[in-house]
């Protein structure tokens, strides 16, 4: 893996977001469609490959970390406007990274 510089890292705009709606994408094996509240940045739709790890309804009101400035990606099911951070993989499981209590949608992650 290549090293990055601090200048590369600060290009990422990581924000706290709250899942306000979640639903499985019927035509996809892995995808959930999430609508995120990113505070002053409004809402974003994100397609996340975690259908096998999480029931959609269990994610509603959960705080997550969102890559807020990721280039939008047009997909067959719609446009994904960001990404949420998670650890793991299909073999061991997927685990959403969540901020501590007190964090609010829109807060910058530093």
PDB file of N, CA and C in Angstrom:
ATOM      1  N   UNK A   1       0.844  -1.179   0.000  1.00  0.00           N
ATOM      2  CA  UNK A   1       0.000   0.000   0.000  1.00  0.00           C
ATOM      3  C   UNK A   1       0.888   1.241   0.000  1.00  0.00           C
ATOM      4  N   UNK A   2       0.549   2.202  -0.825  1.00  0.00           N
ATOM      5  CA  UNK A   2       1.306   3.440  -0.920  1.00  0.00           C
ATOM      6  C   UNK A   2       0.969   4.381   0.232  1.00  0.00           C
ATOM      7  N   UNK A   3       1.993   5.065   0.735  1.00  0.00           N
ATOM      8  CA  UNK A   3       1.781   6.098   1.751  1.00  0.00           C
ATOM      9  C   UNK A   3       1.132   7.311   1.103  1.00  0.00           C
ATOM     10  N   UNK A   4       0.354   8.041   1.903  1.00  0.00           N
ATOM     11  CA  UNK A   4      -0.203   9.306   1.443  1.00  0.00           C
ATOM     12  C   UNK A   4       0.378  10.421   2.306  1.00  0.00           C
ATOM     13  N   UNK A   5       0.257  11.625   1.828  1.00  0.00           N
ATOM     14  CA  UNK A   5       0.735  12.774   2.591  1.00  0.00           C
ATOM     15  C   UNK A   5      -0.417  13.356   3.399  1.00  0.00           C
ATOM     16  N   UNK A   6      -0.091  14.224   4.326  1.00  0.00           N
ATOM     17  CA  UNK A   6      -1.121  14.917   5.095  1.00  0.00           C
ATOM     18  C   UNK A   6      -2.005  15.734   4.163  1.00  0.00           C
ATOM     19  N   UNK A   7      -1.424  16.260   3.094  1.00  0.00           N
ATOM     20  CA  UNK A   7      -2.207  17.030   2.124  1.00  0.00           C
ATOM     21  C   UNK A   7      -3.253  16.140   1.447  1.00  0.00           C
ATOM     22  N   UNK A   8      -2.882  14.865   1.173  1.00  0.00           N
ATOM     23  CA  UNK A   8      -3.857  13.924   0.617  1.00  0.00           C
ATOM     24  C   UNK A   8      -4.981  13.675   1.618  1.00  0.00           C
ATOM     25  N   UNK A   9      -4.609  13.439   2.866  1.00  0.00           N
ATOM     26  CA  UNK A   9      -5.596  13.106   3.890  1.00  0.00           C
ATOM     27  C   UNK A   9      -6.580  14.241   4.131  1.00  0.00           C
ATOM     28  N   UNK A  10      -6.083  15.479   4.176  1.00  0.00           N
ATOM     29  CA  UNK A  10      -6.995  16.590   4.495  1.00  0.00           C
ATOM     30  C   UNK A  10      -7.970  16.893   3.361  1.00  0.00           C
ATOM     31  N   UNK A  11      -7.794  16.264   2.226  1.00  0.00           N
ATOM     32  CA  UNK A  11      -8.782  16.409   1.155  1.00  0.00           C
ATOM     33  C   UNK A  11     -10.093  15.710   1.504  1.00  0.00           C
ATOM     34  N   UNK A  12     -10.022  14.720   2.407  1.00  0.00           N
ATOM     35  CA  UNK A  12     -11.240  14.012   2.818  1.00  0.00           C
ATOM     36  C   UNK A  12     -12.063  14.898   3.751  1.00  0.00           C
ATOM     37  N   UNK A  13     -13.350  14.999   3.479  1.00  0.00           N
ATOM     38  CA  UNK A  13     -14.261  15.712   4.367  1.00  0.00           C
ATOM     39  C   UNK A  13     -15.115  14.651   5.060  1.00  0.00           C
ATOM     40  N   UNK A  14     -14.646  14.212   6.233  1.00  0.00           N
ATOM     41  CA  UNK A  14     -15.365  13.203   7.009  1.00  0.00           C
ATOM     42  C   UNK A  14     -16.316  13.911   7.962  1.00  0.00           C
ATOM     43  N   UNK A  15     -17.580  13.491   7.937  1.00  0.00           N
ATOM     44  CA  UNK A  15     -18.611  14.137   8.751  1.00  0.00           C
ATOM     45  C   UNK A  15     -19.442  13.097   9.480  1.00  0.00           C
ATOM     46  N   UNK A  16     -19.941  13.476  10.645  1.00  0.00           N
ATOM     47  CA  UNK A  16     -20.928  12.667  11.352  1.00  0.00           C
ATOM     48  C   UNK A  16     -22.241  12.790  10.589  1.00  0.00           C
ATOM     49  N   UNK A  17     -22.932  11.668  10.415  1.00  0.00           N
ATOM     50  CA  UNK A  17     -24.238  11.673   9.753  1.00  0.00           C
ATOM     51  C   UNK A  17     -25.172  10.749  10.523  1.00  0.00           C
ATOM     52  N   UNK A  18     -26.454  11.016  10.399  1.00  0.00           N
ATOM     53  CA  UNK A  18     -27.480  10.191  11.046  1.00  0.00           C
ATOM     54  C   UNK A  18     -28.297   9.511   9.958  1.00  0.00           C
ATOM     55  N   UNK A  19     -28.480   8.209  10.081  1.00  0.00           N
ATOM     56  CA  UNK A  19     -29.287   7.467   9.114  1.00  0.00           C
ATOM     57  C   UNK A  19     -30.748   7.806   9.381  1.00  0.00           C
ATOM     58  N   UNK A  20     -31.414   8.417   8.391  1.00  0.00           N
ATOM     59  CA  UNK A  20     -32.820   8.787   8.576  1.00  0.00           C
ATOM     60  C   UNK A  20     -33.772   7.826   7.873  1.00  0.00           C
ATOM     61  N   UNK A  21     -33.257   7.084   6.897  1.00  0.00           N
ATOM     62  CA  UNK A  21     -34.049   6.010   6.307  1.00  0.00           C
ATOM     63  C   UNK A  21     -33.098   4.977   5.730  1.00  0.00           C
ATOM     64  N   UNK A  22     -33.572   3.748   5.680  1.00  0.00           N
ATOM     65  CA  UNK A  22     -32.759   2.647   5.159  1.00  0.00           C
ATOM     66  C   UNK A  22     -33.689   1.604   4.575  1.00  0.00           C
ATOM     67  N   UNK A  23     -33.293   1.078   3.414  1.00  0.00           N
ATOM     68  CA  UNK A  23     -34.100   0.030   2.786  1.00  0.00           C
ATOM     69  C   UNK A  23     -33.200  -0.857   1.934  1.00  0.00           C
ATOM     70  N   UNK A  24     -33.549  -2.138   1.853  1.00  0.00           N
ATOM     71  CA  UNK A  24     -32.764  -3.019   0.989  1.00  0.00           C
ATOM     72  C   UNK A  24     -33.000  -2.669  -0.475  1.00  0.00           C
ATOM     73  N   UNK A  25     -31.977  -2.849  -1.288  1.00  0.00           N
ATOM     74  CA  UNK A  25     -32.113  -2.694  -2.735  1.00  0.00           C
ATOM     75  C   UNK A  25     -32.468  -4.082  -3.252  1.00  0.00           C
ATOM     76  N   UNK A  26     -33.706  -4.251  -3.683  1.00  0.00           N
ATOM     77  CA  UNK A  26     -34.228  -5.573  -4.035  1.00  0.00           C
ATOM     78  C   UNK A  26     -33.422  -6.252  -5.136  1.00  0.00           C
ATOM     79  N   UNK A  27     -32.935  -5.486  -6.103  1.00  0.00           N
ATOM     80  CA  UNK A  27     -32.233  -6.064  -7.252  1.00  0.00           C
ATOM     81  C   UNK A  27     -30.763  -6.361  -6.957  1.00  0.00           C
ATOM     82  N   UNK A  28     -30.290  -6.088  -5.726  1.00  0.00           N
ATOM     83  CA  UNK A  28     -28.880  -6.259  -5.393  1.00  0.00           C
ATOM     84  C   UNK A  28     -28.723  -7.176  -4.182  1.00  0.00           C
ATOM     85  N   UNK A  29     -27.725  -8.037  -4.228  1.00  0.00           N
ATOM     86  CA  UNK A  29     -27.469  -8.977  -3.133  1.00  0.00           C
ATOM     87  C   UNK A  29     -26.891  -8.309  -1.891  1.00  0.00           C
ATOM     88  N   UNK A  30     -26.082  -7.263  -2.078  1.00  0.00           N
ATOM     89  CA  UNK A  30     -25.337  -6.679  -0.964  1.00  0.00           C
ATOM     90  C   UNK A  30     -25.775  -5.286  -0.546  1.00  0.00           C
ATOM     91  N   UNK A  31     -26.547  -4.595  -1.354  1.00  0.00           N
ATOM     92  CA  UNK A  31     -26.748  -3.157  -1.138  1.00  0.00           C
ATOM     93  C   UNK A  31     -27.944  -2.789  -0.276  1.00  0.00           C
ATOM     94  N   UNK A  32     -27.717  -1.803   0.576  1.00  0.00           N
ATOM     95  CA  UNK A  32     -28.777  -1.083   1.273  1.00  0.00           C
ATOM     96  C   UNK A  32     -28.741   0.354   0.776  1.00  0.00           C
ATOM     97  N   UNK A  33     -29.912   0.944   0.617  1.00  0.00           N
ATOM     98  CA  UNK A  33     -30.016   2.362   0.260  1.00  0.00           C
ATOM     99  C   UNK A  33     -30.265   3.125   1.551  1.00  0.00           C
ATOM    100  N   UNK A  34     -29.340   4.023   1.884  1.00  0.00           N
ATOM    101  CA  UNK A  34     -29.429   4.801   3.111  1.00  0.00           C
ATOM    102  C   UNK A  34     -29.606   6.267   2.778  1.00  0.00           C
ATOM    103  N   UNK A  35     -30.481   6.939   3.507  1.00  0.00           N
ATOM    104  CA  UNK A  35     -30.562   8.388   3.426  1.00  0.00           C
ATOM    105  C   UNK A  35     -29.957   8.929   4.711  1.00  0.00           C
ATOM    106  N   UNK A  36     -28.976   9.812   4.558  1.00  0.00           N
ATOM    107  CA  UNK A  36     -28.242  10.356   5.689  1.00  0.00           C
ATOM    108  C   UNK A  36     -28.553  11.828   5.906  1.00  0.00           C
ATOM    109  N   UNK A  37     -28.683  12.221   7.160  1.00  0.00           N
ATOM    110  CA  UNK A  37     -28.763  13.632   7.553  1.00  0.00           C
ATOM    111  C   UNK A  37     -27.334  14.049   7.905  1.00  0.00           C
ATOM    112  N   UNK A  38     -26.787  14.988   7.126  1.00  0.00           N
ATOM    113  CA  UNK A  38     -25.422  15.452   7.357  1.00  0.00           C
ATOM    114  C   UNK A  38     -25.448  16.887   7.890  1.00  0.00           C
ATOM    115  N   UNK A  39     -26.432  17.169   8.725  1.00  0.00           N
ATOM    116  CA  UNK A  39     -26.534  18.480   9.370  1.00  0.00           C
ATOM    117  C   UNK A  39     -26.661  19.599   8.360  1.00  0.00           C
ATOM    118  N   UNK A  40     -25.815  20.618   8.468  1.00  0.00           N
ATOM    119  CA  UNK A  40     -25.880  21.805   7.603  1.00  0.00           C
ATOM    120  C   UNK A  40     -25.651  21.474   6.135  1.00  0.00           C
ATOM    121  N   UNK A  41     -25.143  20.278   5.830  1.00  0.00           N
ATOM    122  CA  UNK A  41     -24.886  19.867   4.448  1.00  0.00           C
ATOM    123  C   UNK A  41     -26.102  19.192   3.819  1.00  0.00           C
ATOM    124  N   UNK A  42     -27.198  19.067   4.575  1.00  0.00           N
ATOM    125  CA  UNK A  42     -28.427  18.488   4.054  1.00  0.00           C
ATOM    126  C   UNK A  42     -28.416  16.971   4.118  1.00  0.00           C
ATOM    127  N   UNK A  43     -29.143  16.367   3.195  1.00  0.00           N
ATOM    128  CA  UNK A  43     -29.223  14.906   3.188  1.00  0.00           C
ATOM    129  C   UNK A  43     -28.493  14.350   1.978  1.00  0.00           C
ATOM    130  N   UNK A  44     -28.068  13.097   2.112  1.00  0.00           N
ATOM    131  CA  UNK A  44     -27.367  12.383   1.045  1.00  0.00           C
ATOM    132  C   UNK A  44     -27.932  10.983   0.951  1.00  0.00           C
ATOM    133  N   UNK A  45     -27.963  10.462  -0.256  1.00  0.00           N
ATOM    134  CA  UNK A  45     -28.305   9.061  -0.480  1.00  0.00           C
ATOM    135  C   UNK A  45     -27.002   8.308  -0.709  1.00  0.00           C
ATOM    136  N   UNK A  46     -26.835   7.219   0.032  1.00  0.00           N
ATOM    137  CA  UNK A  46     -25.634   6.394  -0.067  1.00  0.00           C
ATOM    138  C   UNK A  46     -26.068   4.940  -0.240  1.00  0.00           C
ATOM    139  N   UNK A  47     -25.456   4.257  -1.189  1.00  0.00           N
ATOM    140  CA  UNK A  47     -25.667   2.822  -1.348  1.00  0.00           C
ATOM    141  C   UNK A  47     -24.491   2.128  -0.677  1.00  0.00           C
ATOM    142  N   UNK A  48     -24.781   1.286   0.316  1.00  0.00           N
ATOM    143  CA  UNK A  48     -23.740   0.631   1.110  1.00  0.00           C
ATOM    144  C   UNK A  48     -23.858  -0.878   0.983  1.00  0.00           C
ATOM    145  N   UNK A  49     -22.748  -1.543   0.772  1.00  0.00           N
ATOM    146  CA  UNK A  49     -22.726  -2.989   0.597  1.00  0.00           C
ATOM    147  C   UNK A  49     -22.721  -3.737   1.908  1.00  0.00           C
ATOM    148  N   UNK A  50     -23.794  -3.609   2.678  1.00  0.00           N
ATOM    149  CA  UNK A  50     -23.856  -4.246   3.997  1.00  0.00           C
ATOM    150  C   UNK A  50     -25.185  -4.935   4.273  1.00  0.00           C
ATOM    151  N   UNK A  51     -25.871  -5.328   3.226  1.00  0.00           N
ATOM    152  CA  UNK A  51     -27.175  -5.968   3.362  1.00  0.00           C
ATOM    153  C   UNK A  51     -27.096  -7.264   4.171  1.00  0.00           C
ATOM    154  N   UNK A  52     -25.996  -8.020   4.026  1.00  0.00           N
ATOM    155  CA  UNK A  52     -25.852  -9.287   4.747  1.00  0.00           C
ATOM    156  C   UNK A  52     -25.505  -9.076   6.217  1.00  0.00           C
ATOM    157  N   UNK A  53     -24.950  -7.927   6.561  1.00  0.00           N
ATOM    158  CA  UNK A  53     -24.500  -7.670   7.927  1.00  0.00           C
ATOM    159  C   UNK A  53     -25.535  -6.948   8.784  1.00  0.00           C
ATOM    160  N   UNK A  54     -26.391  -6.142   8.152  1.00  0.00           N
ATOM    161  CA  UNK A  54     -27.337  -5.314   8.902  1.00  0.00           C
ATOM    162  C   UNK A  54     -28.730  -5.376   8.296  1.00  0.00           C
ATOM    163  N   UNK A  55     -29.733  -5.431   9.144  1.00  0.00           N
ATOM    164  CA  UNK A  55     -31.111  -5.240   8.711  1.00  0.00           C
ATOM    165  C   UNK A  55     -31.313  -3.734   8.557  1.00  0.00           C
ATOM    166  N   UNK A  56     -31.946  -3.347   7.476  1.00  0.00           N
ATOM    167  CA  UNK A  56     -32.108  -1.922   7.176  1.00  0.00           C
ATOM    168  C   UNK A  56     -32.718  -1.158   8.351  1.00  0.00           C
ATOM    169  N   UNK A  57     -33.767  -1.694   8.945  1.00  0.00           N
ATOM    170  CA  UNK A  57     -34.466  -0.973  10.016  1.00  0.00           C
ATOM    171  C   UNK A  57     -33.593  -0.781  11.257  1.00  0.00           C
ATOM    172  N   UNK A  58     -32.580  -1.616  11.456  1.00  0.00           N
ATOM    173  CA  UNK A  58     -31.710  -1.473  12.629  1.00  0.00           C
ATOM    174  C   UNK A  58     -30.759  -0.280  12.495  1.00  0.00           C
ATOM    175  N   UNK A  59     -30.631   0.271  11.311  1.00  0.00           N
ATOM    176  CA  UNK A  59     -29.707   1.386  11.087  1.00  0.00           C
ATOM    177  C   UNK A  59     -30.358   2.753  11.263  1.00  0.00           C
ATOM    178  N   UNK A  60     -31.687   2.799  11.265  1.00  0.00           N
ATOM    179  CA  UNK A  60     -32.381   4.084  11.377  1.00  0.00           C
ATOM    180  C   UNK A  60     -32.039   4.737  12.712  1.00  0.00           C
ATOM    181  N   UNK A  61     -31.673   6.010  12.653  1.00  0.00           N
ATOM    182  CA  UNK A  61     -31.251   6.859  13.781  1.00  0.00           C
ATOM    183  C   UNK A  61     -29.827   6.575  14.252  1.00  0.00           C
ATOM    184  N   UNK A  62     -29.113   5.675  13.606  1.00  0.00           N
ATOM    185  CA  UNK A  62     -27.727   5.383  13.973  1.00  0.00           C
ATOM    186  C   UNK A  62     -26.812   6.492  13.443  1.00  0.00           C
ATOM    187  N   UNK A  63     -25.844   6.905  14.268  1.00  0.00           N
ATOM    188  CA  UNK A  63     -24.832   7.847  13.823  1.00  0.00           C
ATOM    189  C   UNK A  63     -23.706   7.079  13.140  1.00  0.00           C
ATOM    190  N   UNK A  64     -23.245   7.607  12.019  1.00  0.00           N
ATOM    191  CA  UNK A  64     -22.186   6.984  11.229  1.00  0.00           C
ATOM    192  C   UNK A  64     -21.192   8.068  10.819  1.00  0.00           C
ATOM    193  N   UNK A  65     -20.088   7.634  10.232  1.00  0.00           N
ATOM    194  CA  UNK A  65     -19.113   8.560   9.663  1.00  0.00           C
ATOM    195  C   UNK A  65     -19.253   8.494   8.150  1.00  0.00           C
ATOM    196  N   UNK A  66     -19.427   9.654   7.523  1.00  0.00           N
ATOM    197  CA  UNK A  66     -19.663   9.754   6.085  1.00  0.00           C
ATOM    198  C   UNK A  66     -18.505  10.480   5.406  1.00  0.00           C
ATOM    199  N   UNK A  67     -18.074   9.948   4.257  1.00  0.00           N
ATOM    200  CA  UNK A  67     -17.153  10.701   3.393  1.00  0.00           C
ATOM    201  C   UNK A  67     -18.048  11.658   2.615  1.00  0.00           C
ATOM    202  N   UNK A  68     -18.050  12.904   3.050  1.00  0.00           N
ATOM    203  CA  UNK A  68     -19.007  13.892   2.563  1.00  0.00           C
ATOM    204  C   UNK A  68     -18.664  14.430   1.176  1.00  0.00           C
ATOM    205  N   UNK A  69     -17.391  14.425   0.813  1.00  0.00           N
ATOM    206  CA  UNK A  69     -16.994  15.033  -0.462  1.00  0.00           C
ATOM    207  C   UNK A  69     -16.566  13.993  -1.504  1.00  0.00           C
ATOM    208  N   UNK A  70     -17.042  12.763  -1.362  1.00  0.00           N
ATOM    209  CA  UNK A  70     -16.751  11.747  -2.367  1.00  0.00           C
ATOM    210  C   UNK A  70     -17.520  12.061  -3.649  1.00  0.00           C
ATOM    211  N   UNK A  71     -16.857  11.931  -4.771  1.00  0.00           N
ATOM    212  CA  UNK A  71     -17.516  12.165  -6.051  1.00  0.00           C
ATOM    213  C   UNK A  71     -18.719  11.233  -6.182  1.00  0.00           C
ATOM    214  N   UNK A  72     -19.840  11.792  -6.614  1.00  0.00           N
ATOM    215  CA  UNK A  72     -21.059  10.989  -6.769  1.00  0.00           C
ATOM    216  C   UNK A  72     -20.824   9.880  -7.784  1.00  0.00           C
ATOM    217  N   UNK A  73     -21.442   8.722  -7.515  1.00  0.00           N
ATOM    218  CA  UNK A  73     -21.266   7.563  -8.388  1.00  0.00           C
ATOM    219  C   UNK A  73     -22.629   7.091  -8.885  1.00  0.00           C
ATOM    220  N   UNK A  74     -22.821   7.177 -10.187  1.00  0.00           N
ATOM    221  CA  UNK A  74     -24.072   6.727 -10.787  1.00  0.00           C
ATOM    222  C   UNK A  74     -24.071   5.200 -10.826  1.00  0.00           C
ATOM    223  N   UNK A  75     -25.124   4.610 -10.281  1.00  0.00           N
ATOM    224  CA  UNK A  75     -25.264   3.157 -10.232  1.00  0.00           C
ATOM    225  C   UNK A  75     -26.567   2.768 -10.913  1.00  0.00           C
ATOM    226  N   UNK A  76     -26.732   1.516 -11.129  1.00  0.00           N
ATOM    227  CA  UNK A  76     -27.955   1.024 -11.780  1.00  0.00           C
ATOM    228  C   UNK A  76     -29.207   1.370 -10.960  1.00  0.00           C
ATOM    229  N   UNK A  77     -29.042   1.500  -9.649  1.00  0.00           N
ATOM    230  CA  UNK A  77     -30.180   1.699  -8.746  1.00  0.00           C
ATOM    231  C   UNK A  77     -30.407   3.159  -8.393  1.00  0.00           C
ATOM    232  N   UNK A  78     -29.495   4.025  -8.787  1.00  0.00           N
ATOM    233  CA  UNK A  78     -29.558   5.433  -8.446  1.00  0.00           C
ATOM    234  C   UNK A  78     -28.153   5.981  -8.288  1.00  0.00           C
ATOM    235  N   UNK A  79     -28.034   7.165  -7.736  1.00  0.00           N
ATOM    236  CA  UNK A  79     -26.738   7.796  -7.551  1.00  0.00           C
ATOM    237  C   UNK A  79     -26.346   7.755  -6.078  1.00  0.00           C
ATOM    238  N   UNK A  80     -25.152   7.257  -5.807  1.00  0.00           N
ATOM    239  CA  UNK A  80     -24.615   7.244  -4.450  1.00  0.00           C
ATOM    240  C   UNK A  80     -23.823   8.536  -4.260  1.00  0.00           C
ATOM    241  N   UNK A  81     -24.161   9.280  -3.206  1.00  0.00           N
ATOM    242  CA  UNK A  81     -23.604  10.613  -2.998  1.00  0.00           C
ATOM    243  C   UNK A  81     -22.524  10.665  -1.919  1.00  0.00           C
ATOM    244  N   UNK A  82     -22.047   9.528  -1.495  1.00  0.00           N
ATOM    245  CA  UNK A  82     -21.017   9.484  -0.459  1.00  0.00           C
ATOM    246  C   UNK A  82     -20.722   8.051  -0.089  1.00  0.00           C
ATOM    247  N   UNK A  83     -20.119   7.880   1.071  1.00  0.00           N
ATOM    248  CA  UNK A  83     -19.755   6.554   1.560  1.00  0.00           C
ATOM    249  C   UNK A  83     -19.747   6.612   3.084  1.00  0.00           C
ATOM    250  N   UNK A  84     -20.170   5.530   3.734  1.00  0.00           N
ATOM    251  CA  UNK A  84     -20.010   5.472   5.178  1.00  0.00           C
ATOM    252  C   UNK A  84     -18.846   4.550   5.496  1.00  0.00           C
ATOM    253  N   UNK A  85     -18.162   4.835   6.586  1.00  0.00           N
ATOM    254  CA  UNK A  85     -16.982   4.066   6.953  1.00  0.00           C
ATOM    255  C   UNK A  85     -17.372   2.829   7.744  1.00  0.00           C
ATOM    256  N   UNK A  86     -16.742   1.714   7.382  1.00  0.00           N
ATOM    257  CA  UNK A  86     -16.958   0.447   8.062  1.00  0.00           C
ATOM    258  C   UNK A  86     -15.659  -0.340   8.026  1.00  0.00           C
ATOM    259  N   UNK A  87     -15.532  -1.306   8.928  1.00  0.00           N
ATOM    260  CA  UNK A  87     -14.367  -2.184   8.976  1.00  0.00           C
ATOM    261  C   UNK A  87     -14.813  -3.600   8.647  1.00  0.00           C
ATOM    262  N   UNK A  88     -13.858  -4.437   8.239  1.00  0.00           N
ATOM    263  CA  UNK A  88     -14.152  -5.839   7.992  1.00  0.00           C
ATOM    264  C   UNK A  88     -14.328  -6.142   6.527  1.00  0.00           C
ATOM    265  N   UNK A  89     -14.884  -7.323   6.270  1.00  0.00           N
ATOM    266  CA  UNK A  89     -15.130  -7.778   4.908  1.00  0.00           C
ATOM    267  C   UNK A  89     -16.217  -8.851   4.931  1.00  0.00           C
ATOM    268  N   UNK A  90     -16.516  -9.406   3.780  1.00  0.00           N
ATOM    269  CA  UNK A  90     -17.592 -10.396   3.686  1.00  0.00           C
ATOM    270  C   UNK A  90     -17.290 -11.657   4.486  1.00  0.00           C
ATOM    271  N   UNK A  91     -16.014 -11.997   4.660  1.00  0.00           N
ATOM    272  CA  UNK A  91     -15.656 -13.228   5.367  1.00  0.00           C
ATOM    273  C   UNK A  91     -15.829 -13.116   6.879  1.00  0.00           C
ATOM    274  N   UNK A  92     -15.376 -11.999   7.473  1.00  0.00           N
ATOM    275  CA  UNK A  92     -15.450 -11.865   8.924  1.00  0.00           C
ATOM    276  C   UNK A  92     -16.632 -11.023   9.384  1.00  0.00           C
ATOM    277  N   UNK A  93     -17.234 -10.315   8.472  1.00  0.00           N
ATOM    278  CA  UNK A  93     -18.354  -9.442   8.812  1.00  0.00           C
ATOM    279  C   UNK A  93     -17.998  -7.989   8.560  1.00  0.00           C
ATOM    280  N   UNK A  94     -19.012  -7.161   8.551  1.00  0.00           N
ATOM    281  CA  UNK A  94     -18.852  -5.727   8.327  1.00  0.00           C
ATOM    282  C   UNK A  94     -19.335  -5.015   9.582  1.00  0.00           C
ATOM    283  N   UNK A  95     -18.546  -4.035  10.030  1.00  0.00           N
ATOM    284  CA  UNK A  95     -18.834  -3.317  11.269  1.00  0.00           C
ATOM    285  C   UNK A  95     -18.765  -1.822  11.006  1.00  0.00           C
ATOM    286  N   UNK A  96     -19.912  -1.159  11.148  1.00  0.00           N
ATOM    287  CA  UNK A  96     -19.987   0.290  10.917  1.00  0.00           C
ATOM    288  C   UNK A  96     -19.211   1.018  12.005  1.00  0.00           C
ATOM    289  N   UNK A  97     -18.414   2.013  11.597  1.00  0.00           N
ATOM    290  CA  UNK A  97     -17.715   2.864  12.555  1.00  0.00           C
ATOM    291  C   UNK A  97     -18.670   3.976  12.982  1.00  0.00           C
ATOM    292  N   UNK A  98     -18.811   4.141  14.291  1.00  0.00           N
ATOM    293  CA  UNK A  98     -19.772   5.114  14.822  1.00  0.00           C
ATOM    294  C   UNK A  98     -19.096   6.075  15.783  1.00  0.00           C
ATOM    295  N   UNK A  99     -19.515   7.333  15.774  1.00  0.00           N
ATOM    296  CA  UNK A  99     -18.977   8.297  16.740  1.00  0.00           C
ATOM    297  C   UNK A  99     -19.569   8.065  18.128  1.00  0.00           C
ATOM    298  N   UNK A 100     -18.906   8.603  19.138  1.00  0.00           N
ATOM    299  CA  UNK A 100     -19.415   8.527  20.507  1.00  0.00           C
ATOM    300  C   UNK A 100     -20.673   9.367  20.672  1.00  0.00           C
ATOM    301  N   UNK A 101     -21.363   9.114  21.777  1.00  0.00           N
ATOM    302  CA  UNK A 101     -22.525   9.925  22.137  1.00  0.00           C
ATOM    303  C   UNK A 101     -22.095  11.387  22.240  1.00  0.00           C
ATOM    304  N   UNK A 102     -22.975  12.261  21.868  1.00  0.00           N
ATOM    305  CA  UNK A 102     -22.692  13.695  21.899  1.00  0.00           C
ATOM    306  C   UNK A 102     -22.371  14.268  20.529  1.00  0.00           C
ATOM    307  N   UNK A 103     -21.913  13.404  19.607  1.00  0.00           N
ATOM    308  CA  UNK A 103     -21.638  13.865  18.249  1.00  0.00           C
ATOM    309  C   UNK A 103     -22.964  14.182  17.567  1.00  0.00           C
ATOM    310  N   UNK A 104     -22.954  15.166  16.710  1.00  0.00           N
ATOM    311  CA  UNK A 104     -24.162  15.616  16.004  1.00  0.00           C
ATOM    312  C   UNK A 104     -23.936  15.567  14.499  1.00  0.00           C
ATOM    313  N   UNK A 105     -25.022  15.324  13.726  1.00  0.00           N
ATOM    314  CA  UNK A 105     -24.897  15.326  12.273  1.00  0.00           C
ATOM    315  C   UNK A 105     -24.255  16.614  11.765  1.00  0.00           C
ATOM    316  N   UNK A 106     -23.290  16.450  10.871  1.00  0.00           N
ATOM    317  CA  UNK A 106     -22.589  17.578  10.279  1.00  0.00           C
ATOM    318  C   UNK A 106     -21.248  17.876  10.907  1.00  0.00           C
ATOM    319  N   UNK A 107     -21.019  17.371  12.129  1.00  0.00           N
ATOM    320  CA  UNK A 107     -19.724  17.613  12.781  1.00  0.00           C
ATOM    321  C   UNK A 107     -18.599  17.034  11.946  1.00  0.00           C
ATOM    322  N   UNK A 108     -17.499  17.772  11.866  1.00  0.00           N
ATOM    323  CA  UNK A 108     -16.338  17.297  11.132  1.00  0.00           C
ATOM    324  C   UNK A 108     -15.551  16.302  11.971  1.00  0.00           C
ATOM    325  N   UNK A 109     -15.082  15.247  11.332  1.00  0.00           N
ATOM    326  CA  UNK A 109     -14.220  14.253  11.986  1.00  0.00           C
ATOM    327  C   UNK A 109     -12.792  14.688  11.724  1.00  0.00           C
ATOM    328  N   UNK A 110     -12.006  14.783  12.765  1.00  0.00           N
ATOM    329  CA  UNK A 110     -10.618  15.237  12.628  1.00  0.00           C
ATOM    330  C   UNK A 110      -9.674  14.209  13.193  1.00  0.00           C
TER     331      UNK A 110
END
